[in-house]
Amino acid sequence: MPDAPDALPGSQPPDARGSSVGGVFSWPEIRRGTPLRVLIDLLQYGVAIVLLVLAAVVLVRSFIGFFTSQDDYTTSLISAVDGVLVVIILVDIMRTVLTHLEGWGFPYRPFLVIGIIAAVRDILAVSTRLTFSAGAQPSGGPPISQSLFELGTNAGVILVLAVALFLTRGQDVDAETESSPPPGRISPR
């Protein structure tokens, strides 16, 4: 087969050439199973395991704390809901790390959901603080105007993230987490 007219004699196609220069690995070489990539994968799996353990500990402590709390029912309920929201955030972050390990790059939709959950959690915390400080300003606590500003900011964050989530609804993002396309084939977007 004749060489292309603009190819240099003795040159190889770009995919056949080695892409390391001076002993430095390129990212595709690192992704192919070099010791550095194996170390990166082990570290990421370790992060996922730590997140799973943390989520389990928070869930168990929230459950136990709800039933053994000496506080009134409302306080222990709000604390339990806060713990469950933290567990959801940790599990979503863990799922994102595992999705990245499967080779799908960096999924962004789970972070939109995590942001919404975190803002709801902050709204719950501010609402609780306002409820228990009704009538009297606690010493060292933020003024009511600052708390209302926090509520408004969190509501705005939820609105922006919900709009972003809505705008990405038509993209085939769920296929990214289910299975990878065959080699050489690009998944539809």
N, C-alpha and C. Protein backbone atom coordinates (compact mmCIF):
# COMPACT_ATOMS: atom_id res chain seq x y z
N MET A 1 0.85 -1.16 0.00
CA MET A 1 0.00 0.00 0.00
C MET A 1 0.89 1.23 0.00
N PRO A 2 0.71 2.17 -0.91
CA PRO A 2 1.60 3.32 -0.99
C PRO A 2 1.36 4.26 0.18
N ASP A 3 2.46 4.92 0.56
CA ASP A 3 2.37 5.90 1.65
C ASP A 3 1.58 7.11 1.19
N ALA A 4 0.98 7.79 2.15
CA ALA A 4 0.28 9.03 1.84
C ALA A 4 1.30 10.05 1.36
N PRO A 5 0.90 10.96 0.47
CA PRO A 5 1.86 11.89 -0.08
C PRO A 5 2.51 12.79 0.96
N ASP A 6 1.84 13.10 2.04
CA ASP A 6 2.44 14.00 3.02
C ASP A 6 3.15 13.25 4.15
N ALA A 7 3.20 11.92 4.09
CA ALA A 7 3.88 11.14 5.13
C ALA A 7 5.37 11.17 4.89
N LEU A 8 6.12 11.26 5.97
CA LEU A 8 7.57 11.24 5.86
C LEU A 8 8.04 9.81 5.70
N PRO A 9 9.13 9.59 4.97
CA PRO A 9 9.63 8.22 4.84
C PRO A 9 10.02 7.66 6.21
N GLY A 10 9.60 6.44 6.46
CA GLY A 10 9.94 5.76 7.72
C GLY A 10 9.05 6.17 8.88
N SER A 11 8.08 7.04 8.63
CA SER A 11 7.22 7.45 9.74
C SER A 11 6.12 6.42 9.93
N GLN A 12 5.59 6.36 11.13
CA GLN A 12 4.53 5.43 11.45
C GLN A 12 3.25 6.21 11.68
N PRO A 13 2.11 5.54 11.54
CA PRO A 13 0.87 6.24 11.87
C PRO A 13 0.87 6.66 13.34
N PRO A 14 0.12 7.73 13.68
CA PRO A 14 0.15 8.23 15.04
C PRO A 14 -0.22 7.20 16.09
N ASP A 15 -1.13 6.26 15.80
CA ASP A 15 -1.52 5.29 16.81
C ASP A 15 -0.49 4.19 17.00
N ALA A 16 0.46 4.02 16.06
CA ALA A 16 1.47 2.98 16.18
C ALA A 16 2.74 3.49 16.85
N ARG A 17 2.93 4.82 16.85
CA ARG A 17 4.14 5.39 17.45
C ARG A 17 4.03 5.35 18.97
N GLY A 18 5.13 5.24 19.63
CA GLY A 18 5.15 5.37 21.08
C GLY A 18 4.95 6.83 21.43
N SER A 19 4.17 7.09 22.43
CA SER A 19 3.89 8.49 22.75
C SER A 19 4.67 8.98 23.95
N SER A 20 5.58 8.16 24.46
CA SER A 20 6.38 8.65 25.56
C SER A 20 7.63 9.32 25.01
N VAL A 21 7.96 10.42 25.64
CA VAL A 21 9.12 11.18 25.21
C VAL A 21 10.04 11.30 26.40
N GLY A 22 11.27 10.87 26.23
CA GLY A 22 12.25 11.00 27.30
C GLY A 22 11.90 10.21 28.55
N GLY A 23 11.19 9.09 28.40
CA GLY A 23 10.85 8.26 29.53
C GLY A 23 9.61 8.71 30.29
N VAL A 24 8.94 9.76 29.84
CA VAL A 24 7.73 10.24 30.51
C VAL A 24 6.53 9.60 29.82
N PHE A 25 5.64 9.00 30.60
CA PHE A 25 4.48 8.33 30.04
C PHE A 25 3.39 9.34 29.68
N SER A 26 2.72 9.07 28.59
CA SER A 26 1.55 9.86 28.25
C SER A 26 0.35 9.27 28.97
N TRP A 27 -0.76 10.02 29.02
CA TRP A 27 -1.94 9.54 29.73
C TRP A 27 -2.49 8.24 29.14
N PRO A 28 -2.55 8.07 27.80
CA PRO A 28 -3.03 6.77 27.28
C PRO A 28 -2.15 5.60 27.72
N GLU A 29 -0.85 5.82 27.85
CA GLU A 29 0.02 4.74 28.32
C GLU A 29 -0.23 4.43 29.79
N ILE A 30 -0.47 5.45 30.56
CA ILE A 30 -0.76 5.25 31.98
C ILE A 30 -2.06 4.48 32.12
N ARG A 31 -3.05 4.78 31.27
CA ARG A 31 -4.35 4.11 31.34
C ARG A 31 -4.28 2.65 30.93
N ARG A 32 -3.21 2.20 30.26
CA ARG A 32 -3.12 0.84 29.76
C ARG A 32 -2.66 -0.18 30.78
N GLY A 33 -2.40 0.18 32.00
CA GLY A 33 -2.03 -0.83 32.99
C GLY A 33 -0.61 -0.70 33.49
N THR A 34 -0.01 0.45 33.37
CA THR A 34 1.32 0.65 33.92
C THR A 34 1.21 0.59 35.44
N PRO A 35 2.31 0.41 36.12
CA PRO A 35 2.26 0.38 37.59
C PRO A 35 1.64 1.65 38.19
N LEU A 36 1.86 2.79 37.56
CA LEU A 36 1.27 4.01 38.07
C LEU A 36 -0.26 3.96 37.97
N ARG A 37 -0.78 3.44 36.88
CA ARG A 37 -2.23 3.34 36.73
C ARG A 37 -2.82 2.35 37.73
N VAL A 38 -2.12 1.25 37.97
CA VAL A 38 -2.59 0.28 38.96
C VAL A 38 -2.62 0.94 40.34
N LEU A 39 -1.60 1.72 40.66
CA LEU A 39 -1.56 2.42 41.93
C LEU A 39 -2.70 3.44 42.04
N ILE A 40 -2.97 4.16 40.96
CA ILE A 40 -4.08 5.12 40.94
C ILE A 40 -5.41 4.40 41.15
N ASP A 41 -5.60 3.27 40.46
CA ASP A 41 -6.84 2.50 40.62
C ASP A 41 -6.99 1.99 42.06
N LEU A 42 -5.92 1.48 42.65
CA LEU A 42 -5.98 0.99 44.03
C LEU A 42 -6.33 2.12 44.99
N LEU A 43 -5.75 3.29 44.75
CA LEU A 43 -6.05 4.43 45.60
C LEU A 43 -7.51 4.85 45.47
N GLN A 44 -8.03 4.84 44.25
CA GLN A 44 -9.43 5.21 44.04
C GLN A 44 -10.38 4.17 44.65
N TYR A 45 -10.05 2.90 44.52
CA TYR A 45 -10.87 1.87 45.17
C TYR A 45 -10.80 2.03 46.69
N GLY A 46 -9.63 2.39 47.20
CA GLY A 46 -9.50 2.64 48.63
C GLY A 46 -10.39 3.79 49.08
N VAL A 47 -10.45 4.86 48.28
CA VAL A 47 -11.32 6.00 48.58
C VAL A 47 -12.78 5.54 48.58
N ALA A 48 -13.16 4.73 47.61
CA ALA A 48 -14.54 4.24 47.54
C ALA A 48 -14.87 3.39 48.77
N ILE A 49 -13.95 2.56 49.21
CA ILE A 49 -14.18 1.71 50.39
C ILE A 49 -14.30 2.58 51.64
N VAL A 50 -13.44 3.59 51.78
CA VAL A 50 -13.51 4.49 52.93
C VAL A 50 -14.85 5.22 52.94
N LEU A 51 -15.30 5.68 51.78
CA LEU A 51 -16.60 6.36 51.70
C LEU A 51 -17.74 5.43 52.09
N LEU A 52 -17.66 4.17 51.67
CA LEU A 52 -18.68 3.20 52.03
C LEU A 52 -18.70 2.94 53.54
N VAL A 53 -17.53 2.79 54.13
CA VAL A 53 -17.44 2.57 55.58
C VAL A 53 -17.97 3.79 56.32
N LEU A 54 -17.59 4.98 55.90
CA LEU A 54 -18.09 6.20 56.54
C LEU A 54 -19.60 6.29 56.45
N ALA A 55 -20.15 5.97 55.29
CA ALA A 55 -21.61 6.02 55.11
C ALA A 55 -22.28 5.02 56.05
N ALA A 56 -21.73 3.82 56.17
CA ALA A 56 -22.31 2.82 57.07
C ALA A 56 -22.24 3.28 58.52
N VAL A 57 -21.12 3.86 58.92
CA VAL A 57 -20.97 4.33 60.30
C VAL A 57 -21.96 5.46 60.60
N VAL A 58 -22.08 6.42 59.68
CA VAL A 58 -23.01 7.54 59.89
C VAL A 58 -24.45 7.02 59.95
N LEU A 59 -24.80 6.07 59.09
CA LEU A 59 -26.15 5.53 59.10
C LEU A 59 -26.46 4.81 60.42
N VAL A 60 -25.55 3.97 60.87
CA VAL A 60 -25.76 3.24 62.12
C VAL A 60 -25.83 4.22 63.30
N ARG A 61 -24.92 5.19 63.34
CA ARG A 61 -24.93 6.15 64.46
C ARG A 61 -26.19 7.01 64.44
N SER A 62 -26.67 7.37 63.25
CA SER A 62 -27.90 8.15 63.16
C SER A 62 -29.09 7.34 63.66
N PHE A 63 -29.12 6.07 63.29
CA PHE A 63 -30.20 5.17 63.72
C PHE A 63 -30.18 5.00 65.24
N ILE A 64 -29.01 4.71 65.78
CA ILE A 64 -28.89 4.52 67.23
C ILE A 64 -29.17 5.84 67.96
N GLY A 65 -28.64 6.94 67.43
CA GLY A 65 -28.86 8.24 68.06
C GLY A 65 -30.32 8.65 68.08
N PHE A 66 -31.06 8.25 67.07
CA PHE A 66 -32.48 8.60 67.02
C PHE A 66 -33.25 7.94 68.16
N PHE A 67 -32.92 6.69 68.45
CA PHE A 67 -33.65 5.95 69.48
C PHE A 67 -33.12 6.16 70.89
N THR A 68 -31.87 6.57 71.02
CA THR A 68 -31.30 6.72 72.36
C THR A 68 -31.11 8.18 72.77
N SER A 69 -31.53 9.10 71.95
CA SER A 69 -31.33 10.52 72.23
C SER A 69 -32.16 10.97 73.42
N GLN A 70 -31.57 11.82 74.25
CA GLN A 70 -32.27 12.40 75.40
C GLN A 70 -32.97 13.70 75.01
N ASP A 71 -32.74 14.17 73.77
CA ASP A 71 -33.38 15.39 73.29
C ASP A 71 -34.84 15.11 72.98
N ASP A 72 -35.56 16.17 72.69
CA ASP A 72 -36.96 15.98 72.31
C ASP A 72 -37.04 15.31 70.93
N TYR A 73 -38.22 14.87 70.61
CA TYR A 73 -38.44 14.11 69.37
C TYR A 73 -38.03 14.90 68.13
N THR A 74 -38.36 16.18 68.08
CA THR A 74 -38.07 17.00 66.90
C THR A 74 -36.57 17.10 66.66
N THR A 75 -35.81 17.34 67.70
CA THR A 75 -34.36 17.47 67.56
C THR A 75 -33.74 16.16 67.10
N SER A 76 -34.15 15.05 67.70
CA SER A 76 -33.57 13.76 67.31
C SER A 76 -34.00 13.37 65.89
N LEU A 77 -35.23 13.74 65.49
CA LEU A 77 -35.67 13.45 64.12
C LEU A 77 -34.87 14.26 63.11
N ILE A 78 -34.66 15.53 63.38
CA ILE A 78 -33.89 16.37 62.46
C ILE A 78 -32.45 15.88 62.38
N SER A 79 -31.90 15.46 63.50
CA SER A 79 -30.53 14.92 63.50
C SER A 79 -30.45 13.63 62.68
N ALA A 80 -31.47 12.77 62.79
CA ALA A 80 -31.48 11.52 62.02
C ALA A 80 -31.62 11.79 60.53
N VAL A 81 -32.48 12.73 60.17
CA VAL A 81 -32.64 13.08 58.75
C VAL A 81 -31.34 13.67 58.21
N ASP A 82 -30.68 14.50 59.00
CA ASP A 82 -29.39 15.06 58.60
C ASP A 82 -28.36 13.96 58.36
N GLY A 83 -28.34 12.96 59.25
CA GLY A 83 -27.42 11.84 59.07
C GLY A 83 -27.71 11.04 57.81
N VAL A 84 -28.99 10.82 57.52
CA VAL A 84 -29.36 10.08 56.32
C VAL A 84 -28.96 10.86 55.06
N LEU A 85 -29.12 12.18 55.10
CA LEU A 85 -28.71 12.99 53.94
C LEU A 85 -27.20 12.93 53.73
N VAL A 86 -26.44 12.90 54.82
CA VAL A 86 -24.99 12.75 54.71
C VAL A 86 -24.65 11.40 54.09
N VAL A 87 -25.36 10.35 54.48
CA VAL A 87 -25.14 9.02 53.90
C VAL A 87 -25.42 9.04 52.40
N ILE A 88 -26.51 9.68 52.00
CA ILE A 88 -26.82 9.76 50.57
C ILE A 88 -25.71 10.48 49.81
N ILE A 89 -25.20 11.56 50.38
CA ILE A 89 -24.10 12.30 49.73
C ILE A 89 -22.88 11.41 49.61
N LEU A 90 -22.50 10.71 50.68
CA LEU A 90 -21.32 9.84 50.64
C LEU A 90 -21.48 8.72 49.62
N VAL A 91 -22.65 8.12 49.56
CA VAL A 91 -22.88 7.02 48.61
C VAL A 91 -22.84 7.54 47.17
N ASP A 92 -23.39 8.74 46.93
CA ASP A 92 -23.33 9.30 45.58
C ASP A 92 -21.90 9.62 45.17
N ILE A 93 -21.10 10.13 46.09
CA ILE A 93 -19.69 10.39 45.78
C ILE A 93 -18.98 9.07 45.50
N MET A 94 -19.26 8.03 46.31
CA MET A 94 -18.64 6.73 46.08
C MET A 94 -19.02 6.17 44.71
N ARG A 95 -20.29 6.30 44.34
CA ARG A 95 -20.74 5.82 43.04
C ARG A 95 -20.05 6.57 41.90
N THR A 96 -19.82 7.86 42.10
CA THR A 96 -19.13 8.65 41.09
C THR A 96 -17.68 8.19 40.94
N VAL A 97 -17.02 7.91 42.05
CA VAL A 97 -15.64 7.40 41.99
C VAL A 97 -15.61 6.07 41.24
N LEU A 98 -16.55 5.17 41.56
CA LEU A 98 -16.58 3.87 40.89
C LEU A 98 -16.91 4.00 39.40
N THR A 99 -17.79 4.94 39.05
CA THR A 99 -18.10 5.18 37.64
C THR A 99 -16.85 5.66 36.91
N HIS A 100 -16.08 6.51 37.55
CA HIS A 100 -14.83 6.99 36.96
C HIS A 100 -13.87 5.82 36.75
N LEU A 101 -13.83 4.89 37.69
CA LEU A 101 -12.94 3.74 37.56
C LEU A 101 -13.35 2.83 36.41
N GLU A 102 -14.63 2.81 36.09
CA GLU A 102 -15.11 1.99 34.98
C GLU A 102 -14.68 2.56 33.63
N GLY A 103 -14.09 3.74 33.64
CA GLY A 103 -13.56 4.30 32.41
C GLY A 103 -14.47 5.28 31.71
N TRP A 104 -15.47 5.79 32.38
CA TRP A 104 -16.40 6.72 31.74
C TRP A 104 -16.06 8.16 31.98
N GLY A 105 -14.84 8.44 32.39
CA GLY A 105 -14.46 9.83 32.59
C GLY A 105 -15.04 10.36 33.88
N PHE A 106 -15.55 11.55 33.83
CA PHE A 106 -16.04 12.22 35.03
C PHE A 106 -17.51 12.55 34.87
N PRO A 107 -18.41 11.74 35.46
CA PRO A 107 -19.83 12.03 35.34
C PRO A 107 -20.20 13.25 36.18
N TYR A 108 -20.99 14.12 35.62
CA TYR A 108 -21.32 15.36 36.31
C TYR A 108 -22.70 15.35 36.94
N ARG A 109 -23.62 14.57 36.44
CA ARG A 109 -24.98 14.58 36.98
C ARG A 109 -25.05 14.15 38.45
N PRO A 110 -24.27 13.15 38.89
CA PRO A 110 -24.33 12.83 40.33
C PRO A 110 -23.93 14.02 41.21
N PHE A 111 -23.02 14.85 40.72
CA PHE A 111 -22.61 16.01 41.51
C PHE A 111 -23.71 17.07 41.56
N LEU A 112 -24.53 17.15 40.53
CA LEU A 112 -25.68 18.05 40.59
C LEU A 112 -26.64 17.58 41.68
N VAL A 113 -26.87 16.27 41.73
CA VAL A 113 -27.76 15.71 42.76
C VAL A 113 -27.15 15.89 44.14
N ILE A 114 -25.86 15.65 44.27
CA ILE A 114 -25.17 15.82 45.56
C ILE A 114 -25.29 17.28 46.01
N GLY A 115 -25.13 18.21 45.08
CA GLY A 115 -25.26 19.63 45.43
C GLY A 115 -26.65 19.97 45.92
N ILE A 116 -27.66 19.41 45.27
CA ILE A 116 -29.04 19.66 45.70
C ILE A 116 -29.28 19.09 47.10
N ILE A 117 -28.80 17.88 47.33
CA ILE A 117 -28.98 17.26 48.65
C ILE A 117 -28.23 18.06 49.73
N ALA A 118 -27.02 18.51 49.41
CA ALA A 118 -26.25 19.29 50.38
C ALA A 118 -26.95 20.61 50.70
N ALA A 119 -27.53 21.25 49.69
CA ALA A 119 -28.25 22.50 49.94
C ALA A 119 -29.50 22.26 50.78
N VAL A 120 -30.20 21.16 50.52
CA VAL A 120 -31.38 20.82 51.34
C VAL A 120 -30.94 20.55 52.78
N ARG A 121 -29.82 19.90 52.94
CA ARG A 121 -29.29 19.62 54.28
C ARG A 121 -28.97 20.93 55.00
N ASP A 122 -28.36 21.89 54.30
CA ASP A 122 -28.07 23.19 54.91
C ASP A 122 -29.36 23.93 55.27
N ILE A 123 -30.36 23.86 54.41
CA ILE A 123 -31.65 24.49 54.72
C ILE A 123 -32.25 23.88 55.98
N LEU A 124 -32.13 22.57 56.10
CA LEU A 124 -32.64 21.90 57.29
C LEU A 124 -31.90 22.37 58.54
N ALA A 125 -30.58 22.52 58.44
CA ALA A 125 -29.79 22.96 59.59
C ALA A 125 -30.14 24.40 59.98
N VAL A 126 -30.27 25.28 59.00
CA VAL A 126 -30.60 26.68 59.29
C VAL A 126 -32.02 26.77 59.86
N SER A 127 -32.94 26.01 59.28
CA SER A 127 -34.32 26.02 59.79
C SER A 127 -34.37 25.55 61.23
N THR A 128 -33.61 24.52 61.54
CA THR A 128 -33.56 24.02 62.92
C THR A 128 -33.01 25.08 63.85
N ARG A 129 -31.93 25.72 63.43
CA ARG A 129 -31.32 26.77 64.25
C ARG A 129 -32.31 27.91 64.48
N LEU A 130 -33.05 28.29 63.44
CA LEU A 130 -34.04 29.37 63.58
C LEU A 130 -35.20 28.94 64.48
N THR A 131 -35.61 27.70 64.35
CA THR A 131 -36.73 27.20 65.16
C THR A 131 -36.38 27.22 66.64
N PHE A 132 -35.20 26.75 66.98
CA PHE A 132 -34.82 26.68 68.39
C PHE A 132 -34.39 28.02 68.96
N SER A 133 -34.11 28.98 68.11
CA SER A 133 -33.73 30.30 68.62
C SER A 133 -34.88 31.30 68.50
N ALA A 134 -36.07 30.82 68.22
CA ALA A 134 -37.22 31.71 68.08
C ALA A 134 -37.47 32.44 69.39
N GLY A 135 -37.58 33.73 69.29
CA GLY A 135 -37.87 34.55 70.46
C GLY A 135 -36.63 35.09 71.14
N ALA A 136 -35.56 34.32 71.22
CA ALA A 136 -34.35 34.79 71.89
C ALA A 136 -33.15 34.55 70.99
N GLN A 137 -32.28 35.53 70.90
CA GLN A 137 -31.07 35.40 70.09
C GLN A 137 -30.01 34.68 70.92
N PRO A 138 -29.61 33.47 70.52
CA PRO A 138 -28.59 32.76 71.30
C PRO A 138 -27.24 33.46 71.20
N SER A 139 -26.47 33.39 72.26
CA SER A 139 -25.15 34.02 72.24
C SER A 139 -24.23 33.25 71.31
N GLY A 140 -23.52 33.96 70.49
CA GLY A 140 -22.58 33.34 69.57
C GLY A 140 -23.21 32.85 68.29
N GLY A 141 -24.51 32.87 68.18
CA GLY A 141 -25.19 32.42 66.96
C GLY A 141 -25.28 33.54 65.95
N PRO A 142 -25.45 33.20 64.69
CA PRO A 142 -25.55 34.24 63.67
C PRO A 142 -26.89 34.98 63.80
N PRO A 143 -26.91 36.25 63.40
CA PRO A 143 -28.17 36.99 63.45
C PRO A 143 -29.20 36.39 62.48
N ILE A 144 -30.46 36.72 62.75
CA ILE A 144 -31.54 36.15 61.95
C ILE A 144 -31.40 36.56 60.48
N SER A 145 -30.95 37.79 60.23
CA SER A 145 -30.80 38.24 58.83
C SER A 145 -29.79 37.38 58.08
N GLN A 146 -28.72 36.97 58.76
CA GLN A 146 -27.72 36.10 58.12
C GLN A 146 -28.32 34.72 57.86
N SER A 147 -29.11 34.22 58.79
CA SER A 147 -29.75 32.92 58.60
C SER A 147 -30.72 32.96 57.43
N LEU A 148 -31.47 34.04 57.31
CA LEU A 148 -32.39 34.18 56.17
C LEU A 148 -31.62 34.28 54.86
N PHE A 149 -30.48 34.97 54.89
CA PHE A 149 -29.63 35.05 53.70
C PHE A 149 -29.14 33.65 53.31
N GLU A 150 -28.74 32.84 54.30
CA GLU A 150 -28.31 31.47 54.04
C GLU A 150 -29.45 30.65 53.42
N LEU A 151 -30.66 30.80 53.95
CA LEU A 151 -31.80 30.08 53.39
C LEU A 151 -32.04 30.48 51.94
N GLY A 152 -32.00 31.77 51.66
CA GLY A 152 -32.21 32.25 50.29
C GLY A 152 -31.11 31.78 49.35
N THR A 153 -29.87 31.80 49.82
CA THR A 153 -28.75 31.34 48.99
C THR A 153 -28.89 29.86 48.67
N ASN A 154 -29.21 29.06 49.69
CA ASN A 154 -29.39 27.62 49.46
C ASN A 154 -30.56 27.34 48.52
N ALA A 155 -31.63 28.10 48.66
CA ALA A 155 -32.77 27.94 47.75
C ALA A 155 -32.36 28.28 46.32
N GLY A 156 -31.54 29.33 46.16
CA GLY A 156 -31.04 29.68 44.83
C GLY A 156 -30.14 28.61 44.25
N VAL A 157 -29.28 28.03 45.09
CA VAL A 157 -28.40 26.94 44.64
C VAL A 157 -29.24 25.75 44.18
N ILE A 158 -30.27 25.42 44.94
CA ILE A 158 -31.14 24.30 44.56
C ILE A 158 -31.81 24.60 43.22
N LEU A 159 -32.28 25.82 43.04
CA LEU A 159 -32.94 26.19 41.79
C LEU A 159 -31.98 26.08 40.60
N VAL A 160 -30.77 26.60 40.74
CA VAL A 160 -29.80 26.55 39.65
C VAL A 160 -29.42 25.11 39.32
N LEU A 161 -29.15 24.31 40.35
CA LEU A 161 -28.77 22.91 40.12
C LEU A 161 -29.93 22.10 39.54
N ALA A 162 -31.15 22.40 39.97
CA ALA A 162 -32.31 21.70 39.41
C ALA A 162 -32.50 22.05 37.94
N VAL A 163 -32.27 23.31 37.57
CA VAL A 163 -32.36 23.71 36.16
C VAL A 163 -31.27 23.00 35.35
N ALA A 164 -30.05 22.93 35.91
CA ALA A 164 -28.97 22.22 35.22
C ALA A 164 -29.30 20.74 35.05
N LEU A 165 -29.89 20.15 36.07
CA LEU A 165 -30.29 18.74 35.99
C LEU A 165 -31.39 18.56 34.95
N PHE A 166 -32.31 19.51 34.90
CA PHE A 166 -33.39 19.46 33.91
C PHE A 166 -32.83 19.59 32.49
N LEU A 167 -31.85 20.48 32.30
CA LEU A 167 -31.29 20.68 30.97
C LEU A 167 -30.50 19.48 30.47
N THR A 168 -30.00 18.66 31.39
CA THR A 168 -29.23 17.48 30.99
C THR A 168 -30.08 16.23 30.90
N ARG A 169 -31.40 16.35 31.07
CA ARG A 169 -32.27 15.18 31.10
C ARG A 169 -32.29 14.42 29.78
N GLY A 170 -32.11 15.08 28.65
CA GLY A 170 -32.18 14.42 27.35
C GLY A 170 -30.93 13.67 26.96
N GLN A 171 -29.86 13.88 27.68
CA GLN A 171 -28.61 13.20 27.35
C GLN A 171 -28.64 11.78 27.87
N ASP A 172 -27.96 10.89 27.15
CA ASP A 172 -27.94 9.48 27.50
C ASP A 172 -26.86 9.24 28.54
N VAL A 173 -27.07 9.77 29.75
CA VAL A 173 -26.08 9.66 30.81
C VAL A 173 -26.20 8.34 31.54
N ASP A 174 -27.42 7.78 31.61
CA ASP A 174 -27.60 6.52 32.32
C ASP A 174 -26.82 5.38 31.68
N ALA A 175 -26.62 5.45 30.37
CA ALA A 175 -25.86 4.40 29.69
C ALA A 175 -24.41 4.42 30.13
N GLU A 176 -23.93 5.57 30.62
CA GLU A 176 -22.55 5.66 31.07
C GLU A 176 -22.30 4.80 32.29
N THR A 177 -23.28 4.65 33.13
CA THR A 177 -23.07 3.90 34.35
C THR A 177 -23.43 2.43 34.22
N GLU A 178 -24.10 2.04 33.13
CA GLU A 178 -24.53 0.65 33.00
C GLU A 178 -23.46 -0.25 32.40
N SER A 179 -22.97 0.10 31.23
CA SER A 179 -21.93 -0.71 30.61
C SER A 179 -21.16 0.14 29.63
N SER A 180 -19.98 -0.32 29.30
CA SER A 180 -19.15 0.44 28.38
C SER A 180 -19.41 -0.04 26.96
N PRO A 181 -19.22 0.88 25.98
CA PRO A 181 -19.44 0.48 24.59
C PRO A 181 -18.30 -0.44 24.14
N PRO A 182 -18.54 -1.18 23.06
CA PRO A 182 -17.47 -2.03 22.55
C PRO A 182 -16.27 -1.17 22.14
N PRO A 183 -15.06 -1.74 22.18
CA PRO A 183 -13.88 -0.97 21.80
C PRO A 183 -14.02 -0.43 20.38
N GLY A 184 -13.60 0.82 20.22
CA GLY A 184 -13.64 1.42 18.90
C GLY A 184 -14.96 2.06 18.58
N ARG A 185 -15.95 1.91 19.43
CA ARG A 185 -17.27 2.48 19.18
C ARG A 185 -17.54 3.58 20.20
N ILE A 186 -18.02 4.69 19.73
CA ILE A 186 -18.31 5.82 20.61
C ILE A 186 -19.77 5.74 21.01
N SER A 187 -20.01 5.94 22.32
CA SER A 187 -21.39 5.88 22.79
C SER A 187 -22.14 7.12 22.31
N PRO A 188 -23.43 6.97 22.02
CA PRO A 188 -24.22 8.12 21.55
C PRO A 188 -24.44 9.10 22.68
N ARG A 189 -24.43 10.37 22.36
CA ARG A 189 -24.67 11.42 23.36
C ARG A 189 -25.83 12.25 22.94
